């Protein structure tokens, strides 16, 4: 007997009595269910399981078999991914088939279901099981949107029970009730109140949808339930019996809603050519996205800060079976699994790491850590302090195959359509000319003049590093670092810096993104040296300081010499023998 069969047997035993608590639910053991996944794949699904590691020997003794290496790792920690995996949707689609309704006398529902009662219809609900492909984004505390693909499937669970009135007798009259018909007439999927998909009634409907040209929406699963009962009144008149038959019907609509973000990407790449012939490309999106490839074989690629894990929706760990007299909580046979995206401490990466593209710049918005949204029993490398979203990523590489440029999103299967760059999106990078000179100095500090100009035309380069999104506009972003200071040049291309420690100082121009500036520039460096001995005042101060330090020795020397003259050597050292 496998793990899930044992769970079903225990659930059946519990279903006969009233249960006040929730039955603890553990994910099924990898390899024990045929849900379209291998043992290794299913082992990576359960990031919310308790990572209570047991040794291989203990596992063999407990289950009578060996486990794979991936299964062993997943037993002690959680597995994360560079890209949104397909395993969550595969598992959910197959496990959904194990979800069964309870029949006309019993309603089966998850504990969080919104139940409705009527005259004859009771414990009725329509509850969303899963919407996929999708990814739950963890952006910050209080902001965990569910991004769904523009084309996908919503799966739901609909159930109810019928309350058949008890019969009664009074005098020579007997009243009896019986159920003649009950059904789910229709199931609909609505977007902001508008029906976008519908099908005949079913307890476990799967509704395919297609949503275009929309940013966010409220999706509603709605089901129409109807019942028909027969009421029979028998009157005993002695020599005959009158029978009066009437029918009572009831229809009830039940629903469940979920807020979603329609995840549809369009990429507008910006290209640049460096003076040495290298190619550059930068892409910006206003939503989290995975990264992009630069070559046809996909080997050269860049990805942002987002990584992924898979975890079950714990709302479906148990189900409640309710009838006319009692209810029981049992372990669920169907568990939906979702992909989750989170900002990783690993940060943005270019691959191959050693000889691949060079990550030039990333930009986005600053957000606090979303660690509080993850929940318990999840061990991942999530950032634990404020971070910058990688809504934009720019790289430099020896070669960029524009025909092979492929932009991938954080929702599985959603890739950005590549649009032709607008006029002016192509950038020819120029060399910059950075100079540094000491223009004023004394023994305590020096004033350094930094000047930045176009190496080709000699025009000054003015900087302003205040903009967050470097696409569009006329202000040039970038800055210069010198003496542990970060400065920007004025309209004349000049910045003044004061330093107070002698030494050799290297100034470096950080041009920032090439997207919001035309022409664009590459970095340059320049060096200046400051030593107080470079001035007359500095030499005078040095002589004065040295003389002041040596003054006690001069005094002692002078005093000793005078003493020798006054007493003579014989008085000091005595007569010769």
Protein backbone atom coordinates (compact mmCIF):
# COMPACT_ATOMS: atom_id res chain seq x y z
CA UNK A 1 0.00 0.00 0.00
CA UNK A 2 1.48 3.37 -0.96
CA UNK A 3 1.44 6.59 1.04
CA UNK A 4 -1.59 8.12 -0.65
CA UNK A 5 -3.65 4.89 -0.41
CA UNK A 6 -2.89 4.77 3.31
CA UNK A 7 -4.02 8.39 3.63
CA UNK A 8 -7.30 7.60 1.87
CA UNK A 9 -7.93 4.65 4.18
CA UNK A 10 -7.33 6.80 7.25
CA UNK A 11 -9.58 9.50 5.81
CA UNK A 12 -12.37 6.99 5.33
CA UNK A 13 -12.14 5.95 8.97
CA UNK A 14 -12.22 9.57 10.12
CA UNK A 15 -15.16 10.45 7.91
CA UNK A 16 -17.59 8.56 10.13
CA UNK A 17 -17.33 10.93 13.08
CA UNK A 18 -17.23 14.63 13.93
CA UNK A 19 -13.70 16.01 13.95
CA UNK A 20 -12.98 19.31 15.61
CA UNK A 21 -9.39 19.80 14.43
CA UNK A 22 -7.55 19.67 11.12
CA UNK A 23 -5.86 16.43 10.14
CA UNK A 24 -2.15 17.02 9.60
CA UNK A 25 -1.25 16.63 5.93
CA UNK A 26 2.14 15.73 4.50
CA UNK A 27 2.99 15.81 0.79
CA UNK A 28 2.99 12.41 -0.87
CA UNK A 29 6.32 10.66 -0.90
CA UNK A 30 8.15 11.18 -4.24
CA UNK A 31 7.76 8.27 -6.60
CA UNK A 32 4.59 6.92 -4.99
CA UNK A 33 2.12 8.50 -7.42
CA UNK A 34 1.76 8.49 -11.18
CA UNK A 35 1.23 12.20 -11.74
CA UNK A 36 3.34 12.61 -14.86
CA UNK A 37 6.55 13.29 -12.91
CA UNK A 38 9.63 11.28 -12.13
CA UNK A 39 10.77 10.72 -8.57
CA UNK A 40 13.37 13.47 -8.93
CA UNK A 41 10.83 15.93 -10.33
CA UNK A 42 8.21 15.28 -7.68
CA UNK A 43 10.85 15.55 -4.93
CA UNK A 44 11.41 19.21 -5.83
CA UNK A 45 7.74 20.20 -5.50
CA UNK A 46 7.31 20.38 -1.75
CA UNK A 47 9.06 23.50 -0.50
CA UNK A 48 6.57 23.78 2.36
CA UNK A 49 7.28 20.36 3.74
CA UNK A 50 9.13 19.95 7.03
CA UNK A 51 12.78 19.39 6.11
CA UNK A 52 13.37 16.65 8.67
CA UNK A 53 16.32 14.90 7.10
CA UNK A 54 16.78 11.18 7.66
CA UNK A 55 19.77 9.13 6.61
CA UNK A 56 19.76 6.74 3.67
CA UNK A 57 19.89 3.77 6.03
CA UNK A 58 16.92 5.01 8.06
CA UNK A 59 14.98 5.70 4.85
CA UNK A 60 15.72 2.18 3.59
CA UNK A 61 14.54 0.65 6.85
CA UNK A 62 11.38 2.74 6.93
CA UNK A 63 10.24 2.32 3.31
CA UNK A 64 12.16 -0.72 2.10
CA UNK A 65 13.72 1.06 -0.85
CA UNK A 66 16.46 3.51 -1.80
CA UNK A 67 15.87 7.12 -2.80
CA UNK A 68 17.49 9.18 -5.53
CA UNK A 69 20.17 11.80 -4.89
CA UNK A 70 17.74 14.64 -5.64
CA UNK A 71 15.16 13.10 -3.32
CA UNK A 72 17.80 12.92 -0.60
CA UNK A 73 18.73 16.60 -1.01
CA UNK A 74 15.07 17.66 -1.04
CA UNK A 75 14.55 15.75 2.21
CA UNK A 76 16.84 18.19 4.01
CA UNK A 77 16.30 21.49 2.21
CA UNK A 78 14.32 23.13 -0.60
CA UNK A 79 15.24 23.14 -4.28
CA UNK A 80 15.20 26.36 -6.29
CA UNK A 81 15.29 26.99 -10.04
CA UNK A 82 16.75 29.48 -12.49
CA UNK A 83 13.59 29.29 -14.62
CA UNK A 84 9.93 28.61 -13.74
CA UNK A 85 9.57 24.80 -13.91
CA UNK A 86 6.72 22.94 -15.60
CA UNK A 87 6.47 20.44 -12.74
CA UNK A 88 3.90 22.46 -10.75
CA UNK A 89 1.39 22.57 -13.60
CA UNK A 90 1.97 18.92 -14.52
CA UNK A 91 1.37 17.75 -10.98
CA UNK A 92 -1.70 19.96 -10.52
CA UNK A 93 -3.30 18.84 -13.78
CA UNK A 94 -2.92 15.17 -12.92
CA UNK A 95 -3.70 15.40 -9.21
CA UNK A 96 -6.87 17.34 -9.98
CA UNK A 97 -8.34 14.13 -11.37
CA UNK A 98 -8.31 12.64 -7.87
CA UNK A 99 -10.76 15.25 -6.58
CA UNK A 100 -14.19 13.70 -6.05
CA UNK A 101 -17.54 15.10 -4.96
CA UNK A 102 -19.62 13.58 -2.18
CA UNK A 103 -22.98 12.75 -3.77
CA UNK A 104 -26.43 14.28 -3.08
CA UNK A 105 -26.28 13.61 0.68
CA UNK A 106 -22.71 14.82 1.29
CA UNK A 107 -20.89 18.01 0.42
CA UNK A 108 -17.10 17.95 0.09
CA UNK A 109 -15.24 21.24 0.32
CA UNK A 110 -11.89 22.70 1.42
CA UNK A 111 -11.96 24.47 4.80
CA UNK A 112 -11.64 27.91 3.19
CA UNK A 113 -14.64 27.47 0.85
CA UNK A 114 -17.41 30.05 0.98
CA UNK A 115 -20.48 27.91 1.72
CA UNK A 116 -24.03 28.92 0.86
CA UNK A 117 -27.35 27.49 2.03
CA UNK A 118 -30.80 27.68 0.51
CA UNK A 119 -34.07 25.93 1.22
CA UNK A 120 -33.06 22.56 -0.22
CA UNK A 121 -29.46 23.23 -1.29
CA UNK A 122 -26.93 23.34 1.54
CA UNK A 123 -23.14 23.58 1.94
CA UNK A 124 -22.92 24.63 -1.70
CA UNK A 125 -19.70 26.11 -3.05
CA UNK A 126 -17.64 26.75 -6.14
CA UNK A 127 -13.95 27.02 -5.19
CA UNK A 128 -10.99 27.80 -7.42
CA UNK A 129 -8.49 24.94 -7.36
CA UNK A 130 -5.74 26.48 -9.52
CA UNK A 131 -5.06 28.87 -12.39
CA UNK A 132 -2.11 27.87 -14.54
CA UNK A 133 0.37 28.61 -16.02
CA UNK A 134 0.99 31.13 -13.25
CA UNK A 135 3.60 32.37 -10.77
CA UNK A 136 3.10 33.92 -7.37
CA UNK A 137 5.50 36.86 -7.09
CA UNK A 138 7.01 37.83 -3.75
CA UNK A 139 7.83 41.51 -4.20
CA UNK A 140 7.53 42.87 -0.66
CA UNK A 141 5.35 42.58 2.43
CA UNK A 142 1.72 42.94 1.42
CA UNK A 143 2.46 42.62 -2.30
CA UNK A 144 2.37 39.06 -3.63
CA UNK A 145 0.51 39.23 -6.96
CA UNK A 146 -0.47 36.12 -8.88
CA UNK A 147 0.79 36.52 -12.44
CA UNK A 148 -1.10 34.35 -14.93
CA UNK A 149 -0.42 33.59 -18.57
CA UNK A 150 -2.73 35.30 -21.10
CA UNK A 151 -3.75 31.81 -22.23
CA UNK A 152 -4.33 29.22 -19.56
CA UNK A 153 -6.74 27.03 -17.63
CA UNK A 154 -8.74 27.57 -14.48
CA UNK A 155 -9.67 24.46 -12.51
CA UNK A 156 -12.35 24.46 -9.85
CA UNK A 157 -14.32 22.30 -7.50
CA UNK A 158 -18.13 22.51 -7.14
CA UNK A 159 -20.20 20.54 -4.68
CA UNK A 160 -23.34 20.69 -2.54
CA UNK A 161 -25.76 18.47 -0.68
CA UNK A 162 -29.53 18.30 -0.90
CA UNK A 163 -31.68 18.68 2.18
CA UNK A 164 -34.75 16.50 1.67
CA UNK A 165 -37.44 17.42 4.23
CA UNK A 166 -38.59 14.73 6.62
CA UNK A 167 -41.99 13.17 6.03
CA UNK A 168 -44.87 13.81 8.41
CA UNK A 169 -48.29 12.43 9.32
CA UNK A 170 -51.29 14.21 10.74
CA UNK A 171 -54.66 12.44 11.12
CA UNK A 172 -55.39 10.67 7.89
CA UNK A 173 -52.83 12.74 5.90
CA UNK A 174 -49.26 11.66 5.18
CA UNK A 175 -46.64 13.89 3.55
CA UNK A 176 -43.46 12.48 2.00
CA UNK A 177 -40.59 14.06 0.09
CA UNK A 178 -38.18 12.58 -2.44
CA UNK A 179 -35.35 13.89 -4.60
CA UNK A 180 -36.07 13.61 -8.29
CA UNK A 181 -33.30 15.64 -9.94
CA UNK A 182 -30.13 17.51 -8.97
CA UNK A 183 -27.34 18.84 -11.13
CA UNK A 184 -24.81 21.53 -11.78
CA UNK A 185 -26.40 23.13 -14.81
CA UNK A 186 -23.57 25.36 -15.97
CA UNK A 187 -20.13 26.60 -14.95
CA UNK A 188 -18.80 29.98 -16.06
CA UNK A 189 -15.52 31.85 -15.87
CA UNK A 190 -15.89 35.62 -15.67
CA UNK A 191 -13.37 38.42 -15.97
CA UNK A 192 -14.48 41.56 -14.15
CA UNK A 193 -18.09 40.38 -14.47
CA UNK A 194 -17.93 39.44 -18.15
CA UNK A 195 -18.20 35.77 -19.11
CA UNK A 196 -15.11 34.64 -21.03
CA UNK A 197 -15.57 30.86 -20.85
CA UNK A 198 -18.39 28.46 -20.00
CA UNK A 199 -19.16 24.76 -20.10
CA UNK A 200 -21.74 22.23 -19.02
CA UNK A 201 -21.98 21.60 -15.32
CA UNK A 202 -19.37 19.45 -13.63
CA UNK A 203 -18.04 18.98 -10.12
CA UNK A 204 -14.45 19.46 -11.33
CA UNK A 205 -14.61 21.90 -14.26
CA UNK A 206 -11.53 22.92 -16.24
CA UNK A 207 -12.11 26.14 -18.17
CA UNK A 208 -9.65 27.30 -20.83
CA UNK A 209 -9.40 31.06 -21.16
CA UNK A 210 -7.75 33.65 -23.38
CA UNK A 211 -7.25 37.22 -22.17
CA UNK A 212 -5.83 39.92 -24.41
CA UNK A 213 -4.85 43.55 -23.88
CA UNK A 214 -5.42 43.63 -20.15
CA UNK A 215 -3.15 44.43 -17.22
CA UNK A 216 -5.00 43.05 -14.19
CA UNK A 217 -8.38 41.45 -13.57
CA UNK A 218 -10.67 39.77 -11.11
CA UNK A 219 -11.46 36.21 -12.23
CA UNK A 220 -14.61 34.54 -10.95
CA UNK A 221 -15.59 30.89 -11.08
CA UNK A 222 -19.39 30.66 -11.02
CA UNK A 223 -21.62 27.59 -10.96
CA UNK A 224 -25.39 27.24 -11.20
CA UNK A 225 -26.84 24.44 -9.08
CA UNK A 226 -30.43 23.24 -9.35
CA UNK A 227 -32.49 20.61 -7.51
CA UNK A 228 -36.02 19.28 -7.98
CA UNK A 229 -37.97 17.57 -5.22
CA UNK A 230 -41.24 15.70 -5.28
CA UNK A 231 -43.80 16.27 -2.55
CA UNK A 232 -46.48 13.64 -2.16
CA UNK A 233 -49.58 14.20 0.03
CA UNK A 234 -51.67 11.11 0.68
CA UNK A 235 -55.10 11.42 2.27
CA UNK A 236 -56.90 8.28 3.43
CA UNK A 237 -60.63 8.75 2.82
CA UNK A 238 -61.64 5.25 3.89
CA UNK A 239 -62.86 3.81 0.63
CA UNK A 240 -60.13 5.51 -1.35
CA UNK A 241 -56.85 7.43 -1.06
CA UNK A 242 -56.29 10.78 -2.64
CA UNK A 243 -52.75 11.43 -3.84
CA UNK A 244 -51.58 14.97 -4.53
CA UNK A 245 -48.17 15.30 -6.15
CA UNK A 246 -46.35 18.61 -6.51
CA UNK A 247 -42.79 19.52 -7.39
CA UNK A 248 -40.51 22.08 -5.79
CA UNK A 249 -37.38 23.40 -7.49
CA UNK A 250 -34.50 25.57 -6.30
CA UNK A 251 -31.63 27.12 -8.20
CA UNK A 252 -28.58 28.67 -6.56
CA UNK A 253 -25.49 30.38 -7.96
CA UNK A 254 -22.23 29.95 -6.07
CA UNK A 255 -18.89 31.56 -6.91
CA UNK A 256 -15.28 32.19 -5.93
CA UNK A 257 -12.98 35.00 -7.11
CA UNK A 258 -9.28 35.66 -7.34
CA UNK A 259 -7.30 38.80 -8.23
CA UNK A 260 -4.69 38.22 -10.93
CA UNK A 261 -2.15 40.10 -13.01
CA UNK A 262 -2.26 39.29 -16.72
CA UNK A 263 1.38 38.59 -17.54
CA UNK A 264 1.97 39.64 -21.13
CA UNK A 265 5.39 40.92 -22.16
CA UNK A 266 6.60 43.04 -25.05
CA UNK A 267 10.34 43.69 -25.25
CA UNK A 268 11.94 46.73 -26.87
CA UNK A 269 15.69 46.06 -26.98
CA UNK A 270 18.21 48.88 -27.18
CA UNK A 271 21.47 48.10 -28.94
CA UNK A 272 24.90 49.68 -28.68
CA UNK A 273 28.25 49.27 -30.39
CA UNK A 274 31.41 49.84 -28.39
CA UNK A 275 34.54 51.50 -29.84
CA UNK A 276 36.42 48.16 -29.81
CA UNK A 277 33.63 46.40 -31.74
CA UNK A 278 31.84 44.77 -28.79
CA UNK A 279 28.04 44.74 -28.86
CA UNK A 280 25.72 45.82 -26.11
CA UNK A 281 22.03 45.25 -25.52
CA UNK A 282 19.66 46.48 -22.81
CA UNK A 283 16.03 45.59 -22.16
CA UNK A 284 13.58 47.14 -19.73
CA UNK A 285 10.24 45.81 -18.49
CA UNK A 286 7.95 47.29 -15.88
CA UNK A 287 7.25 43.89 -14.33
CA UNK A 288 9.49 41.15 -12.96
CA UNK A 289 10.99 39.05 -15.72
CA UNK A 290 13.52 36.26 -15.92
CA UNK A 291 16.19 37.30 -18.44
CA UNK A 292 17.25 36.89 -22.05
CA UNK A 293 19.56 34.92 -24.31
CA UNK A 294 22.07 36.47 -26.72
CA UNK A 295 22.88 33.56 -29.02
CA UNK A 296 20.95 30.98 -30.98
CA UNK A 297 22.22 28.07 -28.87
CA UNK A 298 21.10 29.87 -25.69
CA UNK A 299 24.51 29.45 -24.02
CA UNK A 300 25.15 33.18 -23.61
CA UNK A 301 22.42 34.56 -21.39
CA UNK A 302 21.69 36.99 -18.61
CA UNK A 303 19.14 36.75 -15.83
CA UNK A 304 17.90 39.18 -13.23
CA UNK A 305 17.42 38.87 -9.49
CA UNK A 306 14.45 36.48 -9.65
CA UNK A 307 14.63 32.78 -8.85
CA UNK A 308 11.88 30.20 -8.36
CA UNK A 309 10.59 27.46 -6.10
CA UNK A 310 7.45 25.32 -6.07
CA UNK A 311 5.10 24.83 -3.14
CA UNK A 312 1.67 23.41 -2.51
CA UNK A 313 -1.39 25.50 -1.67
CA UNK A 314 -1.93 24.45 1.93
CA UNK A 315 -5.61 25.45 1.76
CA UNK A 316 -6.16 22.11 0.04
CA UNK A 317 -4.27 19.94 2.50
CA UNK A 318 -7.58 18.77 3.96
CA UNK A 319 -11.21 18.52 2.90
CA UNK A 320 -14.40 18.67 4.94
CA UNK A 321 -17.12 16.09 4.31
CA UNK A 322 -20.45 17.26 5.68
CA UNK A 323 -23.82 15.57 5.70
CA UNK A 324 -27.08 16.23 7.46
CA UNK A 325 -25.87 15.16 10.89
CA UNK A 326 -22.12 15.67 11.10
CA UNK A 327 -18.93 16.77 9.37
CA UNK A 328 -15.46 15.25 9.24
CA UNK A 329 -12.10 16.59 8.16
CA UNK A 330 -10.07 14.24 5.96
CA UNK A 331 -6.79 14.44 4.12
CA UNK A 332 -7.17 15.70 0.59
CA UNK A 333 -6.42 13.49 -2.40
CA UNK A 334 -5.74 16.51 -4.62
CA UNK A 335 -3.13 19.18 -3.85
CA UNK A 336 -2.48 22.11 -6.21
CA UNK A 337 1.14 23.27 -6.57
CA UNK A 338 2.22 26.76 -7.65
CA UNK A 339 5.45 28.31 -8.89
CA UNK A 340 6.78 31.16 -6.73
CA UNK A 341 9.24 33.88 -7.77
CA UNK A 342 11.43 35.62 -5.20
CA UNK A 343 14.44 38.00 -5.22
CA UNK A 344 17.55 35.91 -4.64
CA UNK A 345 20.71 36.81 -2.75
CA UNK A 346 22.61 35.41 -5.72
CA UNK A 347 21.52 38.50 -7.63
CA UNK A 348 21.71 39.16 -11.39
CA UNK A 349 24.05 36.88 -13.31
CA UNK A 350 25.54 36.65 -16.78
CA UNK A 351 26.37 33.18 -18.10
CA UNK A 352 28.79 31.60 -18.82
CA UNK A 353 30.26 33.12 -15.67
CA UNK A 354 33.93 33.25 -16.68
CA UNK A 355 33.96 34.03 -20.38
CA UNK A 356 30.37 35.05 -21.05
CA UNK A 357 28.67 38.43 -21.41
CA UNK A 358 29.60 41.25 -19.05
CA UNK A 359 26.76 42.53 -16.88
CA UNK A 360 26.98 46.30 -17.30
CA UNK A 361 24.02 47.61 -15.35
CA UNK A 362 20.71 46.75 -13.75
CA UNK A 363 18.02 49.14 -12.63
CA UNK A 364 14.57 49.16 -11.09
CA UNK A 365 12.85 50.19 -7.88
CA UNK A 366 14.09 49.78 -4.32
CA UNK A 367 11.89 47.50 -2.24
CA UNK A 368 12.07 46.05 1.28
CA UNK A 369 12.74 42.34 1.66
CA UNK A 370 9.68 40.11 1.07
CA UNK A 371 10.98 37.48 3.50
CA UNK A 372 7.85 37.88 5.64
CA UNK A 373 5.64 36.68 2.76
CA UNK A 374 7.35 33.30 2.34
CA UNK A 375 5.85 31.47 5.31
CA UNK A 376 7.18 28.59 7.36
CA UNK A 377 9.18 25.53 6.31
CA UNK A 378 10.75 27.23 3.30
CA UNK A 379 14.55 27.33 3.08
CA UNK A 380 15.63 29.47 0.14
CA UNK A 381 18.25 32.14 -0.55
CA UNK A 382 15.81 35.07 -0.42
CA UNK A 383 17.21 38.56 0.18
CA UNK A 384 16.92 39.53 3.83
CA UNK A 385 17.32 43.26 3.33
CA UNK A 386 16.16 45.90 0.86
CA UNK A 387 16.90 45.12 -2.79
CA UNK A 388 16.62 46.65 -6.26
CA UNK A 389 14.28 44.96 -8.72
CA UNK A 390 15.92 44.09 -12.02
CA UNK A 391 13.30 45.59 -14.29
CA UNK A 392 16.15 46.55 -16.62
CA UNK A 393 19.32 44.66 -17.51
CA UNK A 394 22.16 45.74 -19.82
CA UNK A 395 25.07 43.55 -20.97
CA UNK A 396 28.17 43.79 -23.13
CA UNK A 397 29.38 40.88 -25.23
CA UNK A 398 31.67 40.15 -28.12
CA UNK A 399 28.67 39.14 -30.22
CA UNK A 400 24.92 39.66 -29.94
CA UNK A 401 22.73 37.71 -32.37
CA UNK A 402 19.74 40.01 -32.72
CA UNK A 403 17.74 37.37 -34.54
CA UNK A 404 18.22 34.95 -31.64
CA UNK A 405 17.36 37.41 -28.87
CA UNK A 406 14.90 35.60 -26.61
CA UNK A 407 13.25 37.28 -23.61
CA UNK A 408 11.71 34.98 -20.98
CA UNK A 409 9.22 35.92 -18.28
CA UNK A 410 8.66 34.63 -14.75
CA UNK A 411 5.51 32.76 -15.86
CA UNK A 412 6.28 29.46 -17.55
CA UNK A 413 5.83 29.60 -21.30
CA UNK A 414 5.37 33.37 -21.46
CA UNK A 415 8.10 34.95 -23.59
CA UNK A 416 8.19 38.54 -24.70
CA UNK A 417 7.48 39.41 -28.28
CA UNK A 418 10.49 41.29 -29.67
CA UNK A 419 9.59 44.63 -31.22
CA UNK A 420 11.79 46.48 -33.67
CA UNK A 421 13.67 49.29 -31.91
CA UNK A 422 12.21 52.75 -32.30
CA UNK A 423 14.16 55.41 -34.14
CA UNK A 424 17.08 56.44 -31.98
CA UNK A 425 17.24 53.14 -30.09
CA UNK A 426 20.54 52.24 -31.74
CA UNK A 427 23.52 53.70 -29.88
CA UNK A 428 27.06 54.30 -31.15
CA UNK A 429 29.24 54.52 -28.04
CA UNK A 430 32.06 57.08 -28.09
CA UNK A 431 35.23 57.34 -26.09
CA UNK A 432 35.27 59.84 -23.25
CA UNK A 433 38.24 61.92 -22.12
CA UNK A 434 38.66 62.35 -18.37
CA UNK A 435 41.37 64.64 -16.95
CA UNK A 436 42.31 65.40 -13.35
CA UNK A 437 44.61 68.13 -12.04
CA UNK A 438 45.44 69.67 -8.67
CA UNK A 439 44.59 73.38 -8.95
CA UNK A 440 45.15 74.50 -5.37
CA UNK A 441 46.95 73.00 -2.38
CA UNK A 442 48.48 73.70 0.98
CA UNK A 443 49.94 71.55 3.73
CA UNK A 444 46.51 70.25 4.86
CA UNK A 445 44.39 69.78 1.74
CA UNK A 446 44.22 70.04 -2.02
CA UNK A 447 41.56 71.06 -4.51
CA UNK A 448 41.26 68.81 -7.56
CA UNK A 449 39.61 69.80 -10.84
CA UNK A 450 37.97 66.94 -12.74
CA UNK A 451 36.96 67.52 -16.36
CA UNK A 452 35.01 65.18 -18.65
CA UNK A 453 34.74 65.74 -22.39
CA UNK A 454 33.81 63.96 -25.59
CA UNK A 455 37.05 62.50 -26.95
CA UNK A 456 35.87 63.00 -30.53
CA UNK A 457 34.42 66.50 -30.45
CA UNK A 458 35.84 67.95 -27.25
CA UNK A 459 32.33 68.92 -26.06
CA UNK A 460 31.79 68.89 -22.28
CA UNK A 461 29.84 65.95 -20.78
CA UNK A 462 27.41 66.98 -18.04
CA UNK A 463 26.17 64.30 -15.64
CA UNK A 464 23.08 63.81 -13.51
CA UNK A 465 22.63 60.50 -11.67
CA UNK A 466 19.22 61.28 -10.20
CA UNK A 467 17.04 59.30 -12.63
CA UNK A 468 15.87 55.81 -11.76
CA UNK A 469 14.80 54.57 -15.19
CA UNK A 470 17.40 55.41 -17.83
CA UNK A 471 15.17 55.24 -20.91
CA UNK A 472 14.16 58.41 -22.66
CA UNK A 473 14.68 62.03 -21.64
CA UNK A 474 17.59 64.39 -22.22
CA UNK A 475 19.42 64.25 -18.88
CA UNK A 476 22.62 62.17 -18.95
CA UNK A 477 22.97 59.76 -16.07
CA UNK A 478 26.32 58.66 -14.68
CA UNK A 479 28.91 59.80 -12.16
CA UNK A 480 32.63 60.07 -11.41
CA UNK A 481 34.38 58.52 -8.42
CA UNK A 482 37.54 60.04 -6.94
CA UNK A 483 38.97 59.91 -3.42
CA UNK A 484 36.04 57.81 -2.18
CA UNK A 485 33.68 60.55 -3.36
CA UNK A 486 30.95 60.34 -5.98
CA UNK A 487 30.45 63.52 -8.02
CA UNK A 488 28.71 64.72 -11.16
CA UNK A 489 30.03 67.27 -13.63
CA UNK A 490 28.28 70.58 -14.29
CA UNK A 491 27.21 71.99 -17.66
CA UNK A 492 30.86 72.73 -18.47
CA UNK A 493 31.84 69.14 -17.79
CA UNK A 494 33.72 70.12 -14.62
CA UNK A 495 33.59 68.89 -11.01
CA UNK A 496 35.63 70.18 -8.07
CA UNK A 497 36.79 67.78 -5.36
CA UNK A 498 38.63 68.52 -2.09
CA UNK A 499 41.00 65.91 -0.64
CA UNK A 500 42.83 66.00 2.68
CA UNK A 501 45.10 62.95 2.54
CA UNK A 502 48.32 62.83 0.47
CA UNK A 503 48.48 60.15 -2.16
CA UNK A 504 47.84 59.10 -5.74
CA UNK A 505 44.18 59.41 -6.75
CA UNK A 506 42.49 57.71 -9.70
CA UNK A 507 39.27 59.21 -11.02
CA UNK A 508 36.90 56.91 -12.92
CA UNK A 509 33.94 57.83 -15.10
CA UNK A 510 30.93 55.54 -14.67
CA UNK A 511 28.75 56.34 -17.70
CA UNK A 512 25.68 54.36 -16.60
CA UNK A 513 23.19 53.15 -19.17
CA UNK A 514 23.48 54.17 -22.78
CA UNK A 515 19.68 54.08 -23.26
CA UNK A 516 18.78 57.59 -22.21
CA UNK A 517 21.63 59.44 -23.87
CA UNK A 518 22.75 60.10 -27.38
CA UNK A 519 25.64 60.12 -27.95
CA UNK A 520 26.61 57.55 -25.33
CA UNK A 521 30.06 57.02 -23.85
CA UNK A 522 32.35 54.37 -22.41
CA UNK A 523 34.29 54.67 -19.19
CA UNK A 524 37.65 56.45 -18.79
CA UNK A 525 40.15 56.97 -15.97
CA UNK A 526 42.72 59.61 -15.04
CA UNK A 527 45.25 59.93 -12.20
CA UNK A 528 46.50 62.84 -10.07
CA UNK A 529 49.10 62.99 -7.30
CA UNK A 530 49.06 65.28 -4.28
CA UNK A 531 51.85 65.67 -1.75
CA UNK A 532 52.24 68.68 0.56
CA UNK A 533 55.95 68.88 -0.43
CA UNK A 534 54.84 70.07 -3.82
CA UNK A 535 54.52 73.66 -2.46
CA UNK A 536 56.90 76.16 -0.72
CA UNK A 537 54.53 76.28 2.22
CA UNK A 538 54.66 72.51 2.37
CA UNK A 539 58.46 72.47 2.47
CA UNK A 540 58.48 75.20 5.11
CA UNK A 541 55.96 73.26 7.19
CA UNK A 542 58.08 70.10 6.82
CA UNK A 543 61.29 71.90 7.89
CA UNK A 544 59.48 73.50 10.80
CA UNK A 545 57.99 70.21 11.94
CA UNK A 546 61.31 68.35 11.66
CA UNK A 547 63.15 71.16 13.43
CA UNK A 548 60.60 71.21 16.21
CA UNK A 549 60.97 67.46 16.69
CA UNK A 550 64.82 67.70 16.75
CA UNK A 551 65.00 70.76 19.04
CA UNK A 552 65.52 68.73 22.30
CA UNK A 553 68.50 66.97 20.73
CA UNK A 554 70.07 70.30 19.65
CA UNK A 555 69.60 71.69 23.16
CA UNK A 556 71.23 68.65 24.75
CA UNK A 557 74.10 68.77 22.26
CA UNK A 558 74.70 72.48 22.90
CA UNK A 559 74.52 72.07 26.68
CA UNK A 560 77.03 69.21 26.62
CA UNK A 561 79.46 71.16 24.49
CA UNK A 562 79.34 74.16 26.86
CA UNK A 563 79.93 71.90 29.85
CA UNK A 564 83.08 70.46 28.26
CA UNK A 565 84.47 73.92 27.66
CA UNK A 566 83.83 75.04 31.25
CA UNK A 567 85.32 72.03 33.08
CA UNK A 568 87.71 70.45 30.67
CA UNK A 569 88.11 66.73 29.98
CA UNK A 570 90.30 66.15 33.06
CA UNK A 571 87.63 67.44 35.44
CA UNK A 572 85.05 65.16 33.97
CA UNK A 573 86.99 61.96 33.37
CA UNK A 574 89.78 62.44 35.95
CA UNK A 575 93.63 62.64 35.66
CA UNK A 576 95.58 60.15 33.66
CA UNK A 577 97.25 57.53 35.83
